[in-house]
Amino acid sequence: MDSGLQPGPLREPPELLRIFPYREIRKPQLELMLSVRRALEEGLPLVAEGPTGMGKTVALLCGILSSPGREGSRLIYCSRTHAQLDRVVEELRFLSSRLDAPGMSLRGRREMCLHPLLRRFTSGAGEAAHVCTVLRRERRCEFFLRWGRRGEDLLSEFWGKQVTAGELLRRCGEEGVCPYELSRGLMPGMRVVACSYLYLLDPSIRPPFLKGLGEDLSRLVLVFDEAHNLPELAVELASERLGLGSLSRAEREAEELEDERAAELCSGMEEVLEELARGLAEGEERVLGEGELEERLEGRLG
């Protein structure tokens, strides 16, 4: 393992031996745990690299959760895939007999919703949040309306435990209540939350996420697993997207409001995008020349 801090003599602190859930601590795991503890003690960031199969997840959890002076600190563990996030919860379960560390994995608003309208007609976090807000405000979400006593019972069932997002979805599906509402209700009691990078990096998601945690960002311990994915994500976050689905919905709304010019603009944009996409393979991209989109749109609209 190559890390930004060198741990010095490899002595296993008693508290690490007490909480480590497996028979033996490998040397690279011990190096990582000691580096993590030193970084936290000195208030420094840590960049670490290790091979697949090293046992990084459990080493990070043990190093952070056993760090002196960090007994009450909360950990936000960010990764890319649902499987990686659930792995954090699985490792916490191995630690649960040795350490009080309730934790949960989260998915996006769209993935944590049972409403067929939202799952079918939204593609991104922003759209999903907007549709969810409208459905709740207009009392058209049966899963939110059923929350009440059923939801309170589920909060009691999972409070202070280790639970994956998939498990929350299954139980909420059985009870017919909102999984997003349940996950939001559980967050204040969780010491470890495993979630997508977007929860901290997307400026539209981070404030409500921190509010739900009841924590200031400066008080949290943050882990960005597989951080080589971050540059690509940063590009995506800085890019605006406008898909055919959004244009189609905007066109229908304009027609309902009898705004002929807006409806015509949306229809023209749809036709231009479909024309530009012809001949492209799935996943293939094309860079437009300066002013090309405007020229094509003007040609359609006259």
Protein backbone atom coordinates (compact mmCIF):
# COMPACT_ATOMS: atom_id res chain seq x y z
CA MET A 1 0.00 0.00 0.00
CA ASP A 2 1.20 3.49 -0.83
CA SER A 3 -0.16 6.26 1.40
CA GLY A 4 0.50 9.91 2.03
CA LEU A 5 1.46 9.26 5.66
CA GLN A 6 3.94 6.70 6.92
CA PRO A 7 2.73 5.00 10.10
CA GLY A 8 6.09 4.37 11.73
CA PRO A 9 6.65 1.16 13.76
CA LEU A 10 3.92 -1.38 13.07
CA ARG A 11 2.55 -1.97 16.56
CA GLU A 12 -1.05 -3.12 16.84
CA PRO A 13 -2.91 -0.88 19.33
CA PRO A 14 -5.02 -2.96 21.76
CA GLU A 15 -8.24 -1.28 20.62
CA LEU A 16 -7.59 -2.40 17.03
CA LEU A 17 -7.04 -5.98 18.14
CA ARG A 18 -10.23 -5.79 20.16
CA ILE A 19 -12.52 -4.63 17.34
CA PHE A 20 -10.93 -6.21 14.23
CA PRO A 21 -13.46 -8.92 13.25
CA TYR A 22 -11.11 -11.38 11.55
CA ARG A 23 -8.48 -13.73 12.92
CA GLU A 24 -5.45 -11.88 11.60
CA ILE A 25 -4.62 -8.30 10.63
CA ARG A 26 -2.56 -8.27 7.45
CA LYS A 27 0.43 -5.95 7.28
CA PRO A 28 -1.09 -3.68 4.55
CA GLN A 29 -4.31 -3.44 6.57
CA LEU A 30 -2.39 -2.44 9.68
CA GLU A 31 -0.44 0.17 7.70
CA LEU A 32 -3.71 1.64 6.44
CA MET A 33 -5.36 1.65 9.88
CA LEU A 34 -2.39 3.34 11.52
CA SER A 35 -2.13 5.90 8.72
CA VAL A 36 -5.84 6.69 9.05
CA ARG A 37 -5.56 7.13 12.82
CA ARG A 38 -2.53 9.40 12.48
CA ALA A 39 -4.25 11.52 9.82
CA LEU A 40 -7.29 11.97 12.06
CA GLU A 41 -5.18 12.80 15.11
CA GLU A 42 -3.24 15.44 13.15
CA GLY A 43 -6.24 16.77 11.24
CA LEU A 44 -4.73 15.96 7.85
CA PRO A 45 -6.17 14.48 4.64
CA LEU A 46 -4.96 11.04 3.61
CA VAL A 47 -4.57 9.60 0.12
CA ALA A 48 -4.07 5.82 0.11
CA GLU A 49 -3.84 3.18 -2.58
CA GLY A 50 -4.08 -0.58 -2.18
CA PRO A 51 -4.68 -3.63 -4.36
CA THR A 52 -8.04 -5.33 -4.81
CA GLY A 53 -8.64 -7.93 -2.12
CA MET A 54 -6.49 -6.19 0.48
CA GLY A 55 -9.42 -5.64 2.82
CA LYS A 56 -9.43 -1.84 2.59
CA THR A 57 -13.06 -1.40 3.67
CA VAL A 58 -12.76 -3.14 7.03
CA ALA A 59 -9.35 -1.54 7.62
CA LEU A 60 -10.75 1.94 7.00
CA LEU A 61 -13.74 1.32 9.26
CA CYS A 62 -11.59 -0.03 12.10
CA GLY A 63 -9.01 2.74 11.76
CA ILE A 64 -11.58 5.53 11.75
CA LEU A 65 -14.05 4.22 14.32
CA SER A 66 -11.31 3.34 16.83
CA SER A 67 -9.34 6.57 16.44
CA PRO A 68 -8.64 8.26 19.81
CA GLY A 69 -10.77 11.36 20.28
CA ARG A 70 -13.11 10.33 17.46
CA GLU A 71 -15.39 8.06 19.46
CA GLY A 72 -18.48 10.12 18.60
CA SER A 73 -17.47 11.13 15.08
CA ARG A 74 -19.70 10.17 12.20
CA LEU A 75 -18.39 8.70 8.97
CA ILE A 76 -19.69 9.33 5.46
CA TYR A 77 -18.33 6.63 3.16
CA CYS A 78 -18.75 7.55 -0.51
CA SER A 79 -18.38 5.05 -3.32
CA ARG A 80 -19.61 4.42 -6.86
CA THR A 81 -21.79 1.31 -6.92
CA HIS A 82 -24.63 -0.06 -4.81
CA ALA A 83 -22.63 -3.25 -4.17
CA GLN A 84 -19.68 -1.28 -2.78
CA LEU A 85 -21.96 0.73 -0.50
CA ASP A 86 -23.69 -2.39 0.79
CA ARG A 87 -20.27 -3.91 1.47
CA VAL A 88 -19.66 -1.17 4.04
CA VAL A 89 -22.81 -2.22 5.90
CA GLU A 90 -21.82 -5.89 5.73
CA GLU A 91 -18.44 -5.12 7.31
CA LEU A 92 -20.15 -3.06 10.01
CA ARG A 93 -22.23 -6.11 10.89
CA PHE A 94 -19.04 -8.08 11.50
CA LEU A 95 -17.93 -5.26 13.81
CA SER A 96 -21.26 -4.92 15.62
CA SER A 97 -20.41 -7.38 18.42
CA ARG A 98 -17.25 -5.40 19.18
CA LEU A 99 -18.26 -1.82 18.42
CA ASP A 100 -21.45 0.22 18.59
CA ALA A 101 -21.62 1.56 15.05
CA PRO A 102 -25.08 1.62 13.47
CA GLY A 103 -24.92 2.31 9.75
CA MET A 104 -26.85 2.32 6.51
CA SER A 105 -26.36 2.53 2.77
CA LEU A 106 -28.29 5.02 0.67
CA ARG A 107 -29.33 5.19 -2.95
CA GLY A 108 -30.59 8.14 -4.96
CA ARG A 109 -34.07 9.63 -4.63
CA ARG A 110 -35.21 7.82 -7.77
CA GLU A 111 -33.91 4.42 -6.63
CA MET A 112 -35.43 4.91 -3.16
CA CYS A 113 -38.95 5.45 -4.54
CA LEU A 114 -41.78 2.96 -5.10
CA HIS A 115 -44.05 5.31 -7.05
CA PRO A 116 -44.34 4.08 -10.67
CA LEU A 117 -44.73 7.60 -12.08
CA LEU A 118 -41.43 8.80 -10.66
CA ARG A 119 -39.52 5.64 -11.58
CA ARG A 120 -40.82 5.67 -15.14
CA PHE A 121 -40.64 9.33 -16.11
CA THR A 122 -37.56 10.73 -14.34
CA SER A 123 -33.93 10.17 -15.23
CA GLY A 124 -31.87 12.29 -12.82
CA ALA A 125 -31.73 13.34 -9.19
CA GLY A 126 -33.09 16.83 -9.87
CA GLU A 127 -36.09 15.60 -11.83
CA ALA A 128 -36.82 12.91 -9.24
CA ALA A 129 -36.70 15.41 -6.37
CA HIS A 130 -39.05 17.77 -8.20
CA VAL A 131 -41.60 15.08 -9.07
CA CYS A 132 -41.43 13.68 -5.54
CA THR A 133 -42.09 17.12 -4.05
CA VAL A 134 -45.09 17.68 -6.33
CA LEU A 135 -46.61 14.25 -5.62
CA ARG A 136 -46.28 14.75 -1.87
CA ARG A 137 -47.57 18.33 -1.94
CA GLU A 138 -50.63 17.33 -3.96
CA ARG A 139 -51.17 14.23 -1.80
CA ARG A 140 -50.91 11.94 -4.82
CA CYS A 141 -48.29 9.57 -3.37
CA GLU A 142 -49.96 6.66 -1.61
CA PHE A 143 -46.65 5.51 -0.11
CA PHE A 144 -46.05 8.87 1.59
CA LEU A 145 -49.67 9.12 2.76
CA ARG A 146 -49.43 5.70 4.44
CA TRP A 147 -46.36 6.67 6.46
CA GLY A 148 -47.98 7.31 9.86
CA ARG A 149 -47.90 4.41 12.30
CA ARG A 150 -46.46 1.97 9.76
CA GLY A 151 -43.49 4.24 9.19
CA GLU A 152 -42.91 4.74 12.90
CA ASP A 153 -42.88 0.96 13.39
CA LEU A 154 -40.25 0.60 10.67
CA LEU A 155 -38.12 3.32 12.25
CA SER A 156 -38.17 1.36 15.51
CA GLU A 157 -37.34 -1.87 13.66
CA PHE A 158 -34.16 -0.50 12.06
CA TRP A 159 -33.03 2.17 14.54
CA GLY A 160 -29.50 1.62 15.82
CA LYS A 161 -28.79 -1.29 13.46
CA GLN A 162 -26.89 -1.93 10.24
CA VAL A 163 -29.16 -1.93 7.19
CA THR A 164 -28.73 -1.73 3.42
CA ALA A 165 -30.82 0.37 1.06
CA GLY A 166 -32.08 -2.81 -0.58
CA GLU A 167 -33.38 -4.11 2.74
CA LEU A 168 -35.20 -0.84 3.38
CA LEU A 169 -36.77 -1.01 -0.07
CA ARG A 170 -37.99 -4.56 0.48
CA ARG A 171 -39.54 -3.83 3.88
CA CYS A 172 -41.18 -0.64 2.65
CA GLY A 173 -42.54 -2.52 -0.34
CA GLU A 174 -44.07 -5.06 2.03
CA GLU A 175 -45.63 -2.34 4.17
CA GLY A 176 -46.53 -0.01 1.29
CA VAL A 177 -44.72 3.03 2.72
CA CYS A 178 -42.08 5.45 1.41
CA PRO A 179 -38.46 4.12 1.51
CA TYR A 180 -37.03 7.61 1.08
CA GLU A 181 -38.94 8.83 4.13
CA LEU A 182 -37.68 5.85 6.13
CA SER A 183 -34.05 6.40 5.14
CA ARG A 184 -34.33 10.09 5.98
CA GLY A 185 -35.80 9.25 9.38
CA LEU A 186 -33.02 6.78 10.17
CA MET A 187 -30.07 9.02 9.22
CA PRO A 188 -29.82 11.02 12.48
CA GLY A 189 -29.24 7.78 14.42
CA MET A 190 -26.57 6.36 12.11
CA ARG A 191 -22.88 6.67 12.88
CA VAL A 192 -21.88 5.46 9.40
CA VAL A 193 -23.70 6.39 6.19
CA ALA A 194 -22.54 4.86 2.90
CA CYS A 195 -23.72 6.82 -0.12
CA SER A 196 -22.98 7.98 -3.64
CA TYR A 197 -20.39 10.71 -4.21
CA LEU A 198 -23.29 12.91 -5.34
CA TYR A 199 -24.59 13.31 -1.80
CA LEU A 200 -21.56 15.45 -1.00
CA LEU A 201 -20.44 16.80 -4.38
CA ASP A 202 -23.74 17.84 -5.97
CA PRO A 203 -24.55 21.36 -4.67
CA SER A 204 -28.29 20.68 -4.98
CA ILE A 205 -28.14 17.48 -2.89
CA ARG A 206 -25.51 18.27 -0.23
CA PRO A 207 -27.45 20.86 1.87
CA PRO A 208 -30.58 18.70 2.42
CA PHE A 209 -28.36 15.67 3.04
CA LEU A 210 -26.39 17.44 5.77
CA LYS A 211 -29.61 18.82 7.22
CA GLY A 212 -31.01 15.30 7.38
CA LEU A 213 -27.88 14.13 9.18
CA GLY A 214 -28.08 17.04 11.59
CA GLU A 215 -24.35 17.63 11.16
CA ASP A 216 -22.03 20.31 9.86
CA LEU A 217 -19.65 19.15 7.12
CA SER A 218 -16.61 20.12 9.21
CA ARG A 219 -17.54 17.60 11.91
CA LEU A 220 -17.73 14.59 9.60
CA VAL A 221 -15.06 12.08 8.61
CA LEU A 222 -15.23 11.61 4.83
CA VAL A 223 -14.03 8.66 2.76
CA PHE A 224 -14.04 8.78 -1.04
CA ASP A 225 -13.50 5.19 -2.15
CA GLU A 226 -12.11 4.67 -5.67
CA ALA A 227 -11.40 8.38 -5.90
CA HIS A 228 -10.06 8.02 -9.45
CA ASN A 229 -13.73 8.29 -10.48
CA LEU A 230 -14.01 11.86 -9.17
CA PRO A 231 -12.65 13.80 -12.20
CA GLU A 232 -15.23 12.22 -14.52
CA LEU A 233 -17.98 12.89 -12.00
CA ALA A 234 -16.88 16.53 -11.67
CA VAL A 235 -17.21 16.94 -15.45
CA GLU A 236 -20.71 15.45 -15.35
CA LEU A 237 -21.77 17.73 -12.50
CA ALA A 238 -20.51 20.78 -14.40
CA SER A 239 -22.44 19.76 -17.53
CA GLU A 240 -26.06 20.62 -18.24
CA ARG A 241 -28.31 17.91 -19.68
CA LEU A 242 -31.52 18.29 -21.64
CA GLY A 243 -33.01 15.03 -22.86
CA LEU A 244 -35.92 14.21 -25.15
CA GLY A 245 -38.05 13.19 -22.18
CA SER A 246 -37.70 16.61 -20.56
CA LEU A 247 -38.47 18.36 -23.84
CA SER A 248 -41.53 16.21 -24.42
CA ARG A 249 -42.88 16.99 -20.94
CA ALA A 250 -42.16 20.69 -21.43
CA GLU A 251 -44.01 20.63 -24.76
CA ARG A 252 -47.09 19.05 -23.16
CA GLU A 253 -47.04 21.59 -20.34
CA ALA A 254 -46.75 24.47 -22.82
CA GLU A 255 -49.72 23.11 -24.77
CA GLU A 256 -51.77 22.87 -21.58
CA LEU A 257 -50.92 26.51 -20.85
CA GLU A 258 -51.72 27.41 -24.47
CA ASP A 259 -48.23 28.82 -25.03
CA GLU A 260 -47.87 28.04 -28.73
CA ARG A 261 -44.41 29.58 -29.12
CA ALA A 262 -42.93 27.57 -26.23
CA ALA A 263 -44.54 24.36 -27.49
CA GLU A 264 -43.15 25.00 -30.97
CA LEU A 265 -39.68 25.62 -29.55
CA CYS A 266 -39.74 22.34 -27.59
CA SER A 267 -40.99 20.41 -30.61
CA GLY A 268 -38.28 21.94 -32.80
CA MET A 269 -35.59 21.05 -30.26
CA GLU A 270 -36.81 17.44 -30.17
CA GLU A 271 -36.62 17.18 -33.96
CA VAL A 272 -33.13 18.71 -34.06
CA LEU A 273 -31.80 16.35 -31.36
CA GLU A 274 -33.29 13.31 -33.08
CA GLU A 275 -31.71 14.43 -36.36
CA LEU A 276 -28.30 14.90 -34.72
CA ALA A 277 -28.52 11.47 -33.08
CA ARG A 278 -29.16 9.59 -36.31
CA GLY A 279 -26.24 7.39 -37.25
CA LEU A 280 -24.64 7.50 -33.79
CA ALA A 281 -23.96 4.21 -32.03
CA GLU A 282 -25.22 3.71 -28.48
CA GLY A 283 -23.01 5.65 -26.09
CA GLU A 284 -21.29 7.54 -28.92
CA GLU A 285 -20.98 11.30 -28.55
CA ARG A 286 -20.69 14.12 -31.03
CA VAL A 287 -19.28 17.61 -30.53
CA LEU A 288 -21.28 20.33 -32.29
CA GLY A 289 -19.62 23.22 -34.02
CA GLU A 290 -20.04 26.75 -32.70
CA GLY A 291 -23.54 27.98 -33.50
CA GLU A 292 -24.58 24.69 -35.17
CA LEU A 293 -27.43 23.97 -32.77
CA GLU A 294 -28.83 27.49 -33.11
CA GLU A 295 -28.64 27.35 -36.90
CA ARG A 296 -30.46 24.02 -37.07
CA LEU A 297 -33.12 25.24 -34.66
CA GLU A 298 -33.66 28.47 -36.60
CA GLY A 299 -34.04 26.41 -39.76
CA ARG A 300 -36.82 24.43 -38.12
CA LEU A 301 -38.64 27.36 -36.60
CA GLY A 302 -38.19 29.80 -39.46
